């Protein structure tokens, strides 16, 4: 998508601090972190959200979850624990209409929903 922020990041048109990349996914540090570790994992192929992901193959969608685990391992939060969050739609406060997952960790999480 021409006006999609995350598509522009994946394309390199907007700079980011890359954490992980493979053929299907791209992961980068969030610019407004909510935890010591806060990384965004996106599929390289644009799809708006988890409810409308027909453009992704099962392998591309699974690659996003696998990338979350790889990011946690790479950043040293795999053993202590981490949270994966996906916001889908306006009521969930999805601000970028490109499927993405937040990987948060490095601190004890509260039971509150973020």
Protein backbone atom coordinates (compact mmCIF):
# COMPACT_ATOMS: atom_id res chain seq x y z
CA UNK A 1 0.00 0.00 0.00
CA UNK A 2 1.34 3.39 -0.95
CA UNK A 3 0.29 5.20 2.23
CA UNK A 4 0.93 2.43 4.77
CA UNK A 5 3.48 3.35 7.43
CA UNK A 6 4.62 -0.23 7.99
CA UNK A 7 4.90 -0.95 4.26
CA UNK A 8 7.18 2.09 4.00
CA UNK A 9 9.28 0.79 6.92
CA UNK A 10 9.58 -2.67 5.33
CA UNK A 11 10.58 -1.06 2.02
CA UNK A 12 13.25 1.04 3.75
CA UNK A 13 11.56 4.32 2.83
CA UNK A 14 11.19 5.17 6.53
CA UNK A 15 14.10 4.32 8.82
CA UNK A 16 13.67 1.83 11.65
CA UNK A 17 15.84 -0.03 14.14
CA UNK A 18 15.64 -3.55 12.78
CA UNK A 19 15.66 -6.43 15.25
CA UNK A 20 14.89 -9.36 12.94
CA UNK A 21 14.08 -10.05 9.30
CA UNK A 22 13.33 -13.10 7.19
CA UNK A 23 11.64 -13.64 3.83
CA UNK A 24 8.15 -13.13 5.29
CA UNK A 25 8.53 -10.82 8.28
CA UNK A 26 10.24 -7.69 9.52
CA UNK A 27 10.65 -6.75 13.19
CA UNK A 28 11.72 -3.37 14.57
CA UNK A 29 11.80 -1.40 17.82
CA UNK A 30 8.62 0.52 18.62
CA UNK A 31 9.16 4.30 18.64
CA UNK A 32 6.96 4.72 21.74
CA UNK A 33 7.87 1.70 23.87
CA UNK A 34 5.54 0.50 26.61
CA UNK A 35 8.16 -1.84 28.14
CA UNK A 36 11.97 -2.13 28.12
CA UNK A 37 11.57 -4.50 25.17
CA UNK A 38 8.86 -3.41 22.73
CA UNK A 39 9.26 -4.69 19.20
CA UNK A 40 6.77 -4.64 16.32
CA UNK A 41 6.59 -7.72 14.07
CA UNK A 42 4.89 -7.30 10.69
CA UNK A 43 4.37 -9.48 7.65
CA UNK A 44 6.23 -8.02 4.69
CA UNK A 45 3.12 -8.42 2.55
CA UNK A 46 0.44 -5.89 3.39
CA UNK A 47 -2.75 -7.11 4.98
CA UNK A 48 -4.91 -4.83 7.15
CA UNK A 49 -5.46 -6.95 10.25
CA UNK A 50 -5.94 -10.43 11.65
CA UNK A 51 -9.61 -10.45 10.61
CA UNK A 52 -8.83 -9.59 6.98
CA UNK A 53 -5.68 -11.56 6.22
CA UNK A 54 -6.82 -13.50 3.15
CA UNK A 55 -3.87 -12.09 1.18
CA UNK A 56 -1.41 -14.01 3.37
CA UNK A 57 -0.63 -17.68 3.02
CA UNK A 58 -0.76 -19.85 6.11
CA UNK A 59 3.05 -19.94 6.03
CA UNK A 60 3.27 -16.12 5.97
CA UNK A 61 0.85 -15.81 8.86
CA UNK A 62 2.65 -18.50 10.90
CA UNK A 63 5.97 -16.77 10.17
CA UNK A 64 4.74 -13.75 12.16
CA UNK A 65 4.24 -15.82 15.32
CA UNK A 66 7.54 -17.64 14.82
CA UNK A 67 9.26 -14.27 14.38
CA UNK A 68 7.83 -13.12 17.73
CA UNK A 69 9.51 -16.09 19.41
CA UNK A 70 12.78 -15.44 17.59
CA UNK A 71 12.72 -11.79 18.68
CA UNK A 72 12.14 -12.84 22.31
CA UNK A 73 15.04 -15.29 22.14
CA UNK A 74 17.34 -12.75 20.42
CA UNK A 75 16.58 -10.05 23.01
CA UNK A 76 16.93 -12.34 26.04
CA UNK A 77 13.33 -12.36 27.26
CA UNK A 78 12.38 -15.88 26.22
CA UNK A 79 12.99 -17.42 29.65
CA UNK A 80 11.61 -14.60 31.82
CA UNK A 81 8.48 -14.27 29.70
CA UNK A 82 6.93 -11.82 27.32
CA UNK A 83 3.61 -10.70 25.96
CA UNK A 84 2.46 -10.78 22.33
CA UNK A 85 -0.32 -8.33 21.53
CA UNK A 86 -2.35 -7.88 18.36
CA UNK A 87 -4.89 -5.08 18.13
CA UNK A 88 -7.58 -5.64 15.51
CA UNK A 89 -9.78 -2.72 14.54
CA UNK A 90 -10.83 0.63 15.90
CA UNK A 91 -12.23 -0.53 19.25
CA UNK A 92 -8.97 -2.36 19.96
CA UNK A 93 -7.05 0.86 19.19
CA UNK A 94 -5.31 -0.46 16.08
CA UNK A 95 -3.62 2.69 14.79
CA UNK A 96 -1.74 1.29 11.78
CA UNK A 97 -3.90 -0.71 9.41
CA UNK A 98 -1.21 -3.30 8.66
CA UNK A 99 -1.29 -6.57 10.60
CA UNK A 100 1.29 -6.38 13.38
CA UNK A 101 2.21 -7.94 16.67
CA UNK A 102 3.74 -6.18 19.67
CA UNK A 103 6.36 -8.20 21.56
CA UNK A 104 6.74 -6.75 25.06
CA UNK A 105 9.01 -7.87 27.88
CA UNK A 106 11.96 -7.08 30.06
CA UNK A 107 9.74 -6.22 33.01
CA UNK A 108 7.08 -7.90 35.13
CA UNK A 109 3.80 -7.33 33.32
CA UNK A 110 0.68 -6.39 35.23
CA UNK A 111 -2.58 -8.25 34.84
CA UNK A 112 -4.15 -5.16 33.30
CA UNK A 113 -4.84 -5.15 29.59
CA UNK A 114 -2.52 -2.70 27.86
